[in-house]
Amino acid sequence: MSPDPTQQIHDVAVIGGGIVGLSAALELQSRGRLVVVIDPDDEHRRASYGNAGVLSRGSILPVAGPGVWNNFFRYARNADPAVRLRYSSLPALWPWLRRFLRAANEQAQRDSAAILNPLVEAAFERHIALGEIAGTIPLIHRDGWLRLYRSDGNLAGIALEREILGEHGVTTELLSGEAIYELEPFLARRYAHGLLFTQTASVQSPGEVVRRFAAAFRARGGQFLKDCATGLRQTEAGVDVRTRDGIIHAGHAVVSAGAWSGHLLRELGYRIPLVSERGYHAHYRLREGASLGRAINDTSAGFVVAPMNGEVRVLTGVELCRPDDSPRRSQLDLAAAEAAKTLPLGEAAGPIWSGNRPSTPDSLPVIGLAPRHDRIVLAFGHGHIGFSTGPVTGDIVARLIRKERQNLPIAGFDVRRFSRSAAKQ
């Protein structure tokens, strides 16, 4: 009979079994810590299951930027396929939206990019490091990432973004005309320009990467408790994590519960502007003889298509909502219709997926010790880059708990930035 984890004292309890939580668990195990992961163990609820699998060197630009204002009224009317706003959830979303709109300017965009760059730059190396443990290196391919623009005007609109990327050493290759179709011959001739991110890698199955991380954690003696954390409190001896089935006692706790992290921390007095950027995907087979060499992003229609184990995954833009709001497939229907005009899609292959990216207003994750609870580490809010930066976040978390020197600057990820922001209002 396996030991009852509620009757043990663990070194660390990790709340959340997505790629961030599992990366932290593996890093802590490597440092000799006894770790329990607490998670409902429903892989389809995880943002790290349903993403495009891109390990993008160029993902340093926050969602908020001056370009938001050019499309503001389209977004507000739900007339842009890249963004949907769940108006019934607006009261819960408003604290986030207010800060997001305040961050939609050039200086804030430059500041966030400078903070994110070291984290994103180190992401691939940490994927390889944990891949040695979990056996995921064969799943990783250096094939680049291609953003597509339908007109000269679309490309001109990202001049500032290209400038910021270049300042931080992100290499891109501008493709025009036939150069796009030499690279991807099965794309429809509807694009004037493409921007190829040459330093970017991808995986053929994000879900398989997470499964192998979990298997490696268990194989090395880690305990995976299939349960849901409902609260936590710091004690003199450590941290008690309340679950549906009991209390887990640990020396430290890591909160990496994705879009549900903010709710979990409310009883400790933390008010964190965190929303769900809901995403949807569906799989399709390509017609016989067709192929796709790398993930593509149609910037006009707001969809992504990524090759996945002989099929393609069609992914939507974002729907701003609460994490427990019911799914709506209209945005996916639009994305699939546009993707069918871009690639020779065949029959659907598998069920529709929806999941919640945990998003902060400035697109910076929350990573660090909880200000008033020095045994609780926060690690969530990675938005679109959680799959890519999960392993490097895990290393940061382990260094915080072990009181090791950090290799990267992390002050910009401190949760206290939100209380400072509120004080300025």
Protein backbone atom coordinates (compact mmCIF):
# COMPACT_ATOMS: atom_id res chain seq x y z
CA MET A 1 0.00 0.00 0.00
CA SER A 2 1.34 3.46 -0.89
CA PRO A 3 1.93 5.86 1.98
CA ASP A 4 -0.77 8.40 2.71
CA PRO A 5 0.70 11.78 1.68
CA THR A 6 -1.60 13.60 4.11
CA GLN A 7 0.20 11.91 7.02
CA GLN A 8 3.72 12.89 5.93
CA ILE A 9 5.83 15.99 6.21
CA HIS A 10 7.12 16.82 2.74
CA ASP A 11 9.93 19.20 2.00
CA VAL A 12 7.86 20.91 -0.72
CA ALA A 13 4.25 20.70 -1.86
CA VAL A 14 3.84 21.84 -5.47
CA ILE A 15 0.29 22.93 -6.29
CA GLY A 16 -0.22 22.33 -10.00
CA GLY A 17 0.94 19.58 -12.33
CA GLY A 18 1.41 21.55 -15.54
CA ILE A 19 4.82 22.15 -17.02
CA VAL A 20 5.71 24.92 -14.52
CA GLY A 21 4.85 22.83 -11.46
CA LEU A 22 6.47 19.66 -12.78
CA SER A 23 9.62 21.56 -13.77
CA ALA A 24 9.88 22.91 -10.23
CA ALA A 25 9.30 19.43 -8.83
CA LEU A 26 12.06 17.90 -10.99
CA GLU A 27 14.51 20.68 -10.15
CA LEU A 28 13.81 20.30 -6.43
CA GLN A 29 14.21 16.53 -6.67
CA SER A 30 17.59 17.07 -8.29
CA ARG A 31 18.56 19.04 -5.20
CA GLY A 32 17.52 16.24 -2.86
CA ARG A 33 14.12 17.55 -1.77
CA LEU A 34 11.12 15.31 -1.01
CA VAL A 35 8.32 16.67 -3.19
CA VAL A 36 4.60 16.03 -3.55
CA VAL A 37 2.68 17.42 -6.53
CA ILE A 38 -1.01 18.17 -5.93
CA ASP A 39 -3.09 18.26 -9.10
CA PRO A 40 -6.50 17.04 -10.32
CA ASP A 41 -4.54 15.09 -12.96
CA ASP A 42 -6.77 16.08 -15.86
CA GLU A 43 -4.25 16.86 -18.57
CA HIS A 44 -6.88 18.38 -20.83
CA ARG A 45 -7.42 21.25 -18.37
CA ARG A 46 -3.80 22.34 -18.56
CA ALA A 47 -2.67 25.21 -20.74
CA SER A 48 0.57 23.29 -21.29
CA TYR A 49 -1.40 20.49 -22.96
CA GLY A 50 -3.17 22.53 -25.59
CA ASN A 51 -0.66 25.10 -26.86
CA ALA A 52 1.19 25.29 -30.17
CA GLY A 53 4.34 23.63 -28.79
CA VAL A 54 6.57 26.52 -29.84
CA LEU A 55 9.71 27.27 -27.82
CA SER A 56 10.00 30.80 -29.13
CA ARG A 57 13.10 32.93 -28.63
CA GLY A 58 11.05 35.88 -29.82
CA SER A 59 8.28 35.71 -27.21
CA ILE A 60 9.45 38.75 -25.26
CA LEU A 61 6.79 41.21 -26.38
CA PRO A 62 3.86 41.74 -24.01
CA VAL A 63 0.31 41.45 -25.32
CA ALA A 64 -0.31 45.05 -24.26
CA GLY A 65 1.32 47.57 -26.58
CA PRO A 66 0.50 50.74 -28.46
CA GLY A 67 -1.04 48.68 -31.27
CA VAL A 68 -3.93 47.75 -28.96
CA TRP A 69 -5.41 51.20 -29.43
CA ASN A 70 -5.53 50.86 -33.23
CA ASN A 71 -7.89 47.89 -32.85
CA PHE A 72 -9.59 48.91 -29.61
CA PHE A 73 -13.11 49.31 -30.98
CA ARG A 74 -12.88 46.08 -32.98
CA TYR A 75 -11.83 44.25 -29.82
CA ALA A 76 -14.57 45.91 -27.78
CA ARG A 77 -17.22 44.84 -30.32
CA ASN A 78 -15.85 41.29 -30.48
CA ALA A 79 -15.31 41.97 -34.18
CA ASP A 80 -11.69 40.81 -34.31
CA PRO A 81 -11.09 37.03 -34.54
CA ALA A 82 -7.93 37.30 -32.43
CA VAL A 83 -9.70 38.55 -29.29
CA ARG A 84 -13.02 37.81 -27.65
CA LEU A 85 -14.30 39.38 -24.44
CA ARG A 86 -16.81 37.47 -22.29
CA TYR A 87 -18.97 40.42 -21.26
CA SER A 88 -20.89 38.41 -18.67
CA SER A 89 -17.56 38.05 -16.81
CA LEU A 90 -16.62 41.74 -17.11
CA PRO A 91 -16.91 42.58 -13.36
CA ALA A 92 -14.30 39.91 -12.58
CA LEU A 93 -12.12 40.97 -15.54
CA TRP A 94 -12.18 44.70 -14.92
CA PRO A 95 -9.21 44.99 -12.48
CA TRP A 96 -7.08 43.20 -15.09
CA LEU A 97 -8.45 45.17 -18.04
CA ARG A 98 -7.81 48.51 -16.35
CA ARG A 99 -4.15 47.68 -15.79
CA PHE A 100 -3.83 46.11 -19.24
CA LEU A 101 -5.01 49.26 -21.00
CA ARG A 102 -2.69 51.38 -18.87
CA ALA A 103 0.22 49.16 -20.02
CA ALA A 104 -0.69 49.55 -23.72
CA ASN A 105 2.04 52.06 -24.53
CA GLU A 106 5.52 51.99 -25.98
CA GLN A 107 7.45 52.51 -22.76
CA ALA A 108 5.62 49.75 -20.91
CA GLN A 109 6.14 47.45 -23.89
CA ARG A 110 9.88 48.15 -23.90
CA ASP A 111 10.10 47.69 -20.13
CA SER A 112 8.30 44.34 -20.18
CA ALA A 113 10.41 43.09 -23.10
CA ALA A 114 13.62 43.95 -21.21
CA ILE A 115 12.39 42.02 -18.15
CA LEU A 116 11.23 39.00 -20.16
CA ASN A 117 14.26 38.71 -22.41
CA PRO A 118 16.67 36.93 -19.99
CA LEU A 119 13.95 34.44 -19.01
CA VAL A 120 13.02 33.64 -22.62
CA GLU A 121 16.67 33.53 -23.74
CA ALA A 122 17.42 30.84 -21.12
CA ALA A 123 14.28 28.80 -21.85
CA PHE A 124 15.63 26.46 -24.53
CA GLU A 125 18.71 25.49 -22.50
CA ARG A 126 16.55 24.53 -19.50
CA HIS A 127 14.24 22.49 -21.74
CA ILE A 128 17.28 20.54 -22.83
CA ALA A 129 18.49 20.14 -19.23
CA LEU A 130 15.18 18.69 -18.05
CA GLY A 131 14.85 16.80 -21.32
CA GLU A 132 17.93 14.81 -20.32
CA ILE A 133 16.02 13.68 -17.23
CA ALA A 134 12.59 13.20 -18.78
CA GLY A 135 13.59 11.84 -22.18
CA THR A 136 11.94 14.64 -24.14
CA ILE A 137 14.90 15.76 -26.27
CA PRO A 138 13.83 13.61 -29.27
CA LEU A 139 10.55 15.56 -29.29
CA ILE A 140 12.29 18.94 -29.76
CA HIS A 141 13.06 20.27 -33.25
CA ARG A 142 14.76 23.52 -34.33
CA ASP A 143 12.41 24.42 -37.18
CA GLY A 144 11.60 28.08 -36.57
CA TRP A 145 8.29 29.91 -36.27
CA LEU A 146 6.64 31.87 -39.07
CA ARG A 147 4.37 34.90 -38.69
CA LEU A 148 2.45 35.82 -41.83
CA TYR A 149 1.19 39.21 -43.03
CA ARG A 150 -1.34 39.75 -45.80
CA SER A 151 -0.33 43.29 -46.80
CA ASP A 152 2.46 45.82 -46.65
CA GLY A 153 0.39 47.74 -44.12
CA ASN A 154 0.23 44.76 -41.77
CA LEU A 155 4.02 44.51 -41.79
CA ALA A 156 4.51 48.26 -41.31
CA GLY A 157 2.38 48.06 -38.19
CA ILE A 158 4.99 45.96 -36.38
CA ALA A 159 8.01 48.21 -37.00
CA LEU A 160 8.34 48.94 -33.28
CA GLU A 161 8.10 45.25 -32.39
CA ARG A 162 10.86 44.38 -34.86
CA GLU A 163 13.02 47.16 -33.44
CA ILE A 164 12.61 45.87 -29.88
CA LEU A 165 13.30 42.29 -30.92
CA GLY A 166 16.51 43.37 -32.65
CA GLU A 167 17.67 45.33 -29.61
CA HIS A 168 17.44 42.13 -27.56
CA GLY A 169 19.28 39.92 -30.02
CA VAL A 170 16.26 38.11 -31.45
CA THR A 171 17.09 37.09 -35.01
CA THR A 172 14.34 37.24 -37.63
CA GLU A 173 14.37 36.79 -41.39
CA LEU A 174 11.97 38.80 -43.53
CA LEU A 175 10.44 36.76 -46.33
CA SER A 176 8.47 38.28 -49.16
CA GLY A 177 6.63 36.94 -52.18
CA GLU A 178 7.80 33.57 -53.43
CA ALA A 179 10.29 33.15 -50.57
CA ILE A 180 7.35 32.34 -48.30
CA TYR A 181 6.11 29.60 -50.60
CA GLU A 182 9.54 28.14 -51.17
CA LEU A 183 9.64 27.55 -47.42
CA GLU A 184 5.99 26.42 -47.11
CA PRO A 185 4.80 25.37 -50.60
CA PHE A 186 1.33 24.25 -49.49
CA LEU A 187 0.25 27.65 -48.17
CA ALA A 188 -2.39 29.48 -50.21
CA ARG A 189 -1.06 32.54 -52.03
CA ARG A 190 -2.62 35.07 -49.69
CA TYR A 191 0.44 36.48 -47.87
CA ALA A 192 2.69 39.37 -48.89
CA HIS A 193 5.30 38.96 -46.16
CA GLY A 194 6.49 36.52 -43.54
CA LEU A 195 8.71 36.94 -40.50
CA LEU A 196 10.70 33.81 -39.69
CA PHE A 197 12.01 33.44 -36.13
CA THR A 198 15.08 31.34 -36.84
CA GLN A 199 16.15 30.74 -33.22
CA THR A 200 12.87 29.05 -32.31
CA ALA A 201 12.24 25.35 -31.67
CA SER A 202 9.04 23.36 -31.28
CA VAL A 203 7.75 20.01 -30.07
CA GLN A 204 5.44 17.62 -31.88
CA SER A 205 3.28 17.00 -28.80
CA PRO A 206 3.23 19.38 -25.81
CA GLY A 207 1.02 16.93 -23.92
CA GLU A 208 3.60 14.18 -24.35
CA VAL A 209 6.33 16.45 -22.96
CA VAL A 210 4.26 17.06 -19.83
CA ARG A 211 3.45 13.34 -19.49
CA ARG A 212 7.15 12.48 -19.64
CA PHE A 213 7.97 15.13 -17.05
CA ALA A 214 5.36 13.59 -14.74
CA ALA A 215 6.65 10.05 -15.38
CA ALA A 216 10.23 11.11 -14.61
CA PHE A 217 9.07 12.80 -11.40
CA ARG A 218 7.31 9.61 -10.25
CA ALA A 219 10.19 7.36 -11.33
CA ARG A 220 12.57 9.39 -9.15
CA GLY A 221 10.41 8.84 -6.06
CA GLY A 222 8.08 11.83 -6.29
CA GLN A 223 4.50 11.58 -5.11
CA PHE A 224 1.68 12.77 -7.36
CA LEU A 225 -1.49 13.35 -5.37
CA LYS A 226 -4.63 13.38 -7.52
CA ASP A 227 -6.52 16.05 -5.63
CA CYS A 228 -7.44 19.73 -5.77
CA ALA A 229 -5.88 22.32 -3.45
CA THR A 230 -8.56 24.55 -1.92
CA GLY A 231 -6.49 26.70 0.43
CA LEU A 232 -3.19 27.08 2.26
CA ARG A 233 -1.74 28.71 5.33
CA GLN A 234 1.76 29.24 6.64
CA THR A 235 2.55 27.88 10.10
CA GLU A 236 5.59 28.04 12.34
CA ALA A 237 6.66 24.64 11.00
CA GLY A 238 5.95 25.25 7.33
CA VAL A 239 2.85 25.28 5.16
CA ASP A 240 -0.44 23.41 5.37
CA VAL A 241 -2.14 22.86 2.03
CA ARG A 242 -5.84 22.16 2.33
CA THR A 243 -7.25 19.78 -0.27
CA ARG A 244 -10.63 18.19 -0.81
CA ASP A 245 -9.37 15.03 0.89
CA GLY A 246 -7.32 16.42 3.77
CA ILE A 247 -4.31 18.51 4.77
CA ILE A 248 -0.84 18.23 3.23
CA HIS A 249 2.01 19.30 5.52
CA ALA A 250 5.18 20.63 3.91
CA GLY A 251 8.15 22.82 4.66
CA HIS A 252 7.41 24.98 1.61
CA ALA A 253 4.65 25.29 -0.95
CA VAL A 254 4.83 26.32 -4.61
CA VAL A 255 1.70 27.87 -6.11
CA SER A 256 1.73 26.99 -9.82
CA ALA A 257 -1.97 26.37 -10.37
CA GLY A 258 -2.21 28.42 -13.54
CA ALA A 259 -5.35 30.50 -13.97
CA TRP A 260 -6.71 29.30 -10.61
CA SER A 261 -3.68 30.58 -8.65
CA GLY A 262 -5.16 34.00 -7.88
CA HIS A 263 -8.28 32.51 -6.30
CA LEU A 264 -6.16 30.16 -4.19
CA LEU A 265 -4.16 33.08 -2.76
CA ARG A 266 -7.09 35.37 -1.93
CA GLU A 267 -7.56 33.99 1.59
CA LEU A 268 -3.94 34.94 2.33
CA GLY A 269 -4.76 38.54 1.44
CA TYR A 270 -3.25 38.72 -2.06
CA ARG A 271 -5.31 40.38 -4.78
CA ILE A 272 -3.64 39.55 -8.07
CA PRO A 273 -5.05 40.75 -11.41
CA LEU A 274 -5.08 37.41 -13.19
CA VAL A 275 -7.49 36.34 -15.92
CA SER A 276 -7.89 33.43 -18.25
CA GLU A 277 -6.87 33.94 -21.84
CA ARG A 278 -8.99 31.05 -23.02
CA GLY A 279 -7.69 29.23 -26.07
CA TYR A 280 -9.26 26.56 -28.29
CA HIS A 281 -7.81 24.04 -30.69
CA ALA A 282 -8.83 21.23 -33.02
CA HIS A 283 -6.78 18.72 -35.03
CA TYR A 284 -7.07 18.08 -38.75
CA ARG A 285 -5.39 15.84 -41.24
CA LEU A 286 -3.92 17.52 -44.27
CA ARG A 287 -4.98 16.27 -47.67
CA GLU A 288 -2.77 13.59 -49.18
CA GLY A 289 0.63 14.89 -50.23
CA ALA A 290 0.41 18.18 -48.31
CA SER A 291 2.64 19.11 -45.37
CA LEU A 292 3.53 21.93 -43.01
CA GLY A 293 7.12 22.35 -41.88
CA ARG A 294 6.67 24.63 -38.87
CA ALA A 295 4.05 26.50 -36.86
CA ILE A 296 2.55 29.49 -38.66
CA ASN A 297 0.62 32.48 -37.34
CA ASP A 298 -1.79 34.37 -39.60
CA THR A 299 -1.66 37.79 -37.95
CA SER A 300 -4.73 39.11 -39.76
CA ALA A 301 -7.10 36.29 -38.85
CA GLY A 302 -5.55 35.60 -35.44
CA PHE A 303 -5.03 31.86 -35.76
CA VAL A 304 -2.05 29.50 -35.49
CA VAL A 305 -1.53 26.19 -37.26
CA ALA A 306 1.14 23.85 -35.87
CA PRO A 307 2.24 20.44 -37.18
CA MET A 308 1.55 17.71 -34.62
CA ASN A 309 2.50 14.08 -35.26
CA GLY A 310 1.29 13.87 -38.83
CA GLU A 311 -1.70 16.16 -38.26
CA VAL A 312 -2.05 19.89 -37.76
CA ARG A 313 -3.39 21.69 -34.72
CA VAL A 314 -5.50 24.77 -35.47
CA LEU A 315 -5.41 27.19 -32.53
CA THR A 316 -7.45 30.31 -31.88
CA GLY A 317 -6.59 33.69 -30.49
CA VAL A 318 -7.77 34.48 -26.97
CA GLU A 319 -11.07 34.76 -25.16
CA LEU A 320 -10.84 36.85 -21.99
CA CYS A 321 -12.97 35.13 -19.37
CA ARG A 322 -12.95 33.47 -15.98
CA PRO A 323 -11.27 30.04 -15.89
CA ASP A 324 -14.50 28.21 -15.03
CA ASP A 325 -16.66 29.90 -17.67
CA SER A 326 -18.21 27.40 -20.07
CA PRO A 327 -16.50 27.04 -23.46
CA ARG A 328 -17.85 28.59 -26.66
CA ARG A 329 -16.69 27.21 -29.99
CA SER A 330 -17.53 30.17 -32.26
CA GLN A 331 -13.96 31.50 -32.20
CA LEU A 332 -12.60 28.08 -33.17
CA ASP A 333 -15.09 27.80 -36.02
CA LEU A 334 -13.79 31.11 -37.41
CA ALA A 335 -10.16 30.01 -37.03
CA ALA A 336 -10.81 26.67 -38.72
CA ALA A 337 -12.62 28.35 -41.63
CA GLU A 338 -9.69 30.73 -42.18
CA ALA A 339 -7.12 27.94 -41.77
CA ALA A 340 -8.95 25.97 -44.48
CA LYS A 341 -8.35 28.90 -46.84
CA THR A 342 -4.64 28.80 -45.99
CA LEU A 343 -3.88 25.06 -46.01
CA PRO A 344 -5.57 22.04 -47.62
CA LEU A 345 -7.27 20.79 -44.46
CA GLY A 346 -8.83 17.36 -44.58
CA GLU A 347 -11.09 15.72 -42.04
CA ALA A 348 -11.11 16.60 -38.35
CA ALA A 349 -9.06 14.29 -36.14
CA GLY A 350 -10.09 14.26 -32.49
CA PRO A 351 -12.17 16.35 -30.11
CA ILE A 352 -12.17 20.11 -29.62
CA TRP A 353 -9.99 21.36 -26.75
CA SER A 354 -10.24 24.49 -24.64
CA GLY A 355 -7.94 25.66 -21.87
CA ASN A 356 -6.93 28.66 -19.81
CA ARG A 357 -3.70 30.61 -20.13
CA PRO A 358 -3.06 32.44 -16.84
CA SER A 359 -2.52 36.05 -17.89
CA THR A 360 -1.27 39.14 -16.07
CA PRO A 361 -1.88 42.69 -17.42
CA ASP A 362 1.80 43.27 -18.24
CA SER A 363 2.41 39.73 -19.64
CA LEU A 364 5.08 39.15 -16.97
CA PRO A 365 4.73 36.00 -14.90
CA VAL A 366 4.54 36.12 -11.13
CA ILE A 367 7.67 34.41 -9.79
CA GLY A 368 9.09 34.88 -6.29
CA LEU A 369 8.45 34.50 -2.59
CA ALA A 370 5.05 35.63 -1.38
CA PRO A 371 5.74 38.98 0.35
CA ARG A 372 4.16 38.08 3.72
CA HIS A 373 4.71 34.31 3.56
CA ASP A 374 8.35 33.38 3.12
CA ARG A 375 7.63 29.64 2.81
CA ILE A 376 5.28 30.07 -0.15
CA VAL A 377 6.73 30.52 -3.64
CA LEU A 378 4.60 31.95 -6.43
CA ALA A 379 5.09 30.66 -10.00
CA PHE A 380 2.21 31.38 -12.37
CA GLY A 381 0.84 33.92 -14.83
CA HIS A 382 3.03 32.99 -17.81
CA GLY A 383 0.32 33.66 -20.38
CA HIS A 384 1.43 32.52 -23.84
CA ILE A 385 4.96 31.48 -22.81
CA GLY A 386 4.32 28.99 -20.01
CA PHE A 387 5.22 25.93 -22.06
CA SER A 388 8.42 27.56 -23.27
CA THR A 389 9.57 29.04 -19.95
CA GLY A 390 8.26 26.37 -17.56
CA PRO A 391 11.65 24.64 -17.13
CA VAL A 392 13.58 27.86 -16.50
CA THR A 393 10.90 28.92 -13.99
CA GLY A 394 11.34 25.59 -12.24
CA ASP A 395 15.04 26.30 -11.79
CA ILE A 396 14.25 29.75 -10.33
CA VAL A 397 11.76 28.22 -7.89
CA ALA A 398 14.26 25.61 -6.71
CA ARG A 399 16.90 28.28 -6.17
CA LEU A 400 14.46 30.37 -4.12
CA ILE A 401 13.61 27.45 -1.83
CA ARG A 402 17.23 26.33 -1.53
CA LYS A 403 18.40 29.94 -1.07
CA GLU A 404 20.81 29.56 -3.98
CA ARG A 405 22.06 32.47 -6.05
CA GLN A 406 19.84 33.19 -9.03
CA ASN A 407 21.35 33.01 -12.50
CA LEU A 408 18.76 35.42 -13.92
CA PRO A 409 17.27 38.73 -12.78
CA ILE A 410 13.82 38.06 -11.30
CA ALA A 411 12.91 41.30 -9.51
CA GLY A 412 10.60 42.27 -12.38
CA PHE A 413 8.41 39.24 -11.67
CA ASP A 414 7.70 40.22 -8.05
CA VAL A 415 3.98 40.20 -7.24
CA ARG A 416 4.37 43.49 -5.34
CA ARG A 417 4.43 45.33 -8.66
CA PHE A 418 0.64 45.15 -8.62
CA SER A 419 0.30 46.75 -5.21
CA ARG A 420 2.73 49.48 -6.28
CA SER A 421 0.65 50.01 -9.39
CA ALA A 422 -2.54 50.33 -7.33
CA ALA A 423 -0.89 52.87 -5.03
CA LYS A 424 -0.15 55.15 -8.02
CA GLN A 425 -3.77 55.36 -9.05
